[in-house]
Protein backbone atom coordinates (compact mmCIF):
# COMPACT_ATOMS: atom_id res chain seq x y z
CA MET A 1 1.08 -15.78 -10.22
CA ILE A 2 0.89 -19.55 -9.84
CA CYS A 3 1.40 -19.99 -13.59
CA SER A 4 4.99 -18.78 -13.31
CA TYR A 5 6.06 -21.89 -11.37
CA GLN A 6 6.77 -25.14 -13.20
CA SER A 7 6.70 -27.33 -10.11
CA ALA A 8 6.06 -27.40 -6.40
CA ARG A 9 9.82 -27.32 -5.82
CA ASP A 10 10.05 -24.11 -7.86
CA LEU A 11 7.23 -22.49 -5.89
CA PHE A 12 8.42 -23.57 -2.47
CA GLY A 13 12.07 -22.82 -3.30
CA ALA A 14 11.01 -19.30 -4.29
CA ALA A 15 8.94 -19.06 -1.10
CA ARG A 16 11.95 -20.02 1.01
CA ASP A 17 14.07 -17.41 -0.77
CA ALA A 18 11.30 -14.84 -0.21
CA SER A 19 11.10 -15.72 3.49
CA LEU A 20 14.83 -15.28 3.97
CA GLU A 21 14.87 -12.10 1.88
CA MET A 22 11.94 -10.67 3.82
CA THR A 23 13.78 -11.20 7.09
CA ARG A 24 16.87 -9.42 5.73
CA THR A 25 14.76 -6.61 4.28
CA MET A 26 12.90 -6.05 7.55
CA LEU A 27 16.23 -5.84 9.37
CA GLN A 28 17.38 -3.22 6.87
CA LEU A 29 14.21 -1.19 7.42
CA GLU A 30 14.64 -1.39 11.18
CA ALA A 31 18.24 -0.21 10.88
CA MET A 32 17.18 2.66 8.62
CA GLU A 33 14.48 3.66 11.07
CA ALA A 34 16.97 3.65 13.95
CA ARG A 35 19.41 5.81 11.97
CA ARG A 36 16.75 8.25 10.85
CA HIS A 37 16.81 10.13 14.14
CA ILE A 38 20.57 10.14 14.56
CA LYS A 39 22.12 13.14 12.90
CA GLY A 40 25.56 14.48 13.44
CA GLN A 41 26.72 18.01 12.89
CA GLY A 42 28.76 18.31 9.72
CA TYR A 43 31.68 20.73 9.79
CA SER A 44 33.28 20.09 6.45
CA GLY A 45 32.26 22.14 3.45
CA MET A 46 31.21 20.77 0.10
CA PRO A 47 34.09 19.55 -2.05
CA HIS A 48 35.12 22.10 -4.63
CA GLY A 49 33.02 22.00 -7.78
CA GLN A 50 29.98 20.24 -6.29
CA ARG A 51 26.59 21.87 -5.86
CA ALA A 52 25.36 22.25 -2.33
CA ASP A 53 22.08 20.71 -1.26
CA VAL A 54 20.70 24.03 -0.07
CA ASN A 55 17.50 22.52 1.34
CA CYS A 56 19.35 19.58 2.93
CA THR A 57 16.80 17.15 1.51
CA ALA A 58 18.77 14.97 -0.94
CA ALA A 59 19.75 12.42 1.70
CA SER A 60 16.22 12.31 3.10
CA ILE A 61 14.69 11.81 -0.34
CA ALA A 62 17.15 9.02 -1.12
CA LEU A 63 16.32 7.35 2.20
CA ILE A 64 12.57 7.58 1.57
CA ASP A 65 13.00 6.12 -1.92
CA ARG A 66 15.06 3.24 -0.54
CA GLU A 67 12.49 2.55 2.19
CA GLU A 68 9.65 2.45 -0.33
CA MET A 69 11.61 0.05 -2.54
CA LEU A 70 12.20 -2.22 0.46
CA ARG A 71 8.53 -2.06 1.46
CA ALA A 72 7.52 -3.04 -2.10
CA ARG A 73 9.92 -5.99 -1.90
CA ILE A 74 8.31 -7.09 1.37
CA ARG A 75 4.82 -6.86 -0.20
CA ASP A 76 5.97 -9.08 -3.10
CA ASP A 77 7.53 -11.56 -0.70
CA GLU A 78 4.36 -11.65 1.42
CA GLU A 79 2.26 -12.34 -1.69
CA LEU A 80 4.45 -15.30 -2.64
CA LEU A 81 4.45 -16.66 0.92
CA ASP A 82 0.65 -16.36 1.00
CA LEU A 83 0.44 -18.43 -2.19
CA ALA A 84 2.71 -21.13 -0.74
CA CYS A 85 0.59 -21.22 2.43
CA GLN A 86 -2.55 -21.58 0.31
CA VAL A 87 -1.01 -24.62 -1.40
CA ALA A 88 -0.09 -26.06 2.00
CA TYR A 89 -3.31 -25.26 3.90
CA GLY A 90 -5.92 -24.31 1.28
CA ALA A 91 -7.24 -20.94 0.19
CA ASP A 92 -8.97 -20.29 3.51
CA GLY A 93 -6.09 -21.70 5.58
CA LEU A 94 -8.44 -24.06 7.38
CA GLY A 95 -7.62 -27.48 6.06
CA GLY A 96 -7.40 -27.51 2.29
CA GLY A 97 -4.41 -28.12 0.03
CA VAL A 98 -1.69 -30.46 1.26
CA SER A 99 -3.26 -30.50 4.70
CA ALA A 100 -6.49 -32.01 3.33
CA LEU A 101 -4.73 -34.34 0.92
CA LEU A 102 -1.95 -35.75 3.13
CA GLY A 103 -2.53 -34.37 6.60
CA SER A 104 -1.47 -31.36 8.61
CA ALA A 105 1.94 -32.85 9.48
CA TYR A 106 2.96 -32.67 5.82
CA ALA A 107 1.65 -29.11 5.45
CA ASP A 108 3.43 -28.07 8.65
CA VAL A 109 6.76 -29.37 7.34
CA LEU A 110 6.29 -27.30 4.17
CA PHE A 111 5.38 -24.25 6.21
CA TRP A 112 8.34 -24.39 8.60
CA ARG A 113 10.94 -25.21 5.95
CA TYR A 114 9.79 -23.01 3.09
CA CYS A 115 7.44 -20.31 4.38
CA ALA A 116 9.25 -19.71 7.66
CA GLY A 117 12.68 -20.35 6.09
CA GLU A 118 13.88 -22.59 8.91
CA SER A 119 16.66 -25.19 8.96
CA TRP A 120 15.78 -28.89 8.81
CA ASP A 121 16.76 -29.24 12.47
CA THR A 122 14.28 -26.52 13.43
CA VAL A 123 11.60 -28.02 11.17
CA ALA A 124 12.02 -31.39 12.86
CA ARG A 125 11.85 -29.83 16.33
CA GLU A 126 8.79 -27.65 15.57
CA CYS A 127 6.93 -30.55 13.94
CA GLY A 128 7.88 -33.11 16.59
CA GLN A 129 9.58 -35.37 14.06
CA SER A 130 13.02 -36.62 13.28
CA LYS A 131 14.96 -34.71 10.66
CA ARG A 132 14.78 -37.72 8.36
CA THR A 133 10.99 -37.90 8.70
CA ALA A 134 10.64 -34.17 8.04
CA LEU A 135 12.74 -34.51 4.88
CA ARG A 136 10.62 -37.45 3.72
CA TYR A 137 7.36 -35.61 4.44
CA ALA A 138 8.56 -32.63 2.41
CA GLU A 139 9.48 -34.84 -0.55
CA VAL A 140 6.14 -36.67 -0.43
CA ALA A 141 4.21 -33.39 -0.17
CA LEU A 142 6.09 -31.77 -3.06
CA ASP A 143 5.57 -34.86 -5.23
CA ALA A 144 1.85 -34.91 -4.36
CA ILE A 145 1.50 -31.23 -5.27
CA ASP A 146 3.15 -31.85 -8.63
CA ALA A 147 0.99 -34.90 -9.27
CA TYR A 148 -2.19 -33.06 -8.34
CA GLY A 149 -1.26 -29.65 -9.81
CA LEU A 150 -0.47 -26.34 -8.14
CA SER A 151 -3.64 -24.57 -9.23
CA ARG A 152 -5.86 -27.47 -8.10
CA MET A 153 -4.20 -27.45 -4.69
CA VAL A 154 -4.93 -23.75 -4.27
CA SER A 155 -8.47 -23.90 -5.60
CA GLY A 156 -9.28 -26.99 -3.52
CA GLU A 157 -10.63 -29.05 -6.39
CA GLY A 158 -11.30 -32.70 -5.69
CA MET A 159 -9.49 -34.23 -2.73
CA ALA A 160 -7.55 -31.07 -1.88
CA GLU A 161 -10.43 -29.62 0.12
CA ASP A 162 -12.30 -30.34 3.33
């Protein structure tokens, strides 16, 4: 999967998109779940010329298909976010990747901005930095990833490990 990204900015931009999409998708699933148990009594007949759903299952089947498609989207998004976190924190999440190379503050900025999908103001607040510092840390981290190589950051080769 890492081969499909040309740069750290591509990977982390896709991760941010996935984070935001995952939030929207989860909200859709929650709304579908809430509506599942609300059924109203229908009093109108079928429009002339249309076949009746004699088993009353067409709507349920469509809903189940939509839910499964949304769940598959969430699984894909989670896989991408996991990859971005591996680049930031190493394959085991315990101090490899950007965290080992530049320090946890740089990895945390990447996490909050791209994996959590937060605004720069939130990133700065969560990381205890100014917005300007958070922006600079992100740029330095992304440049370091590109210089070192995405696959080396994930695998922890050389300096990108404990």
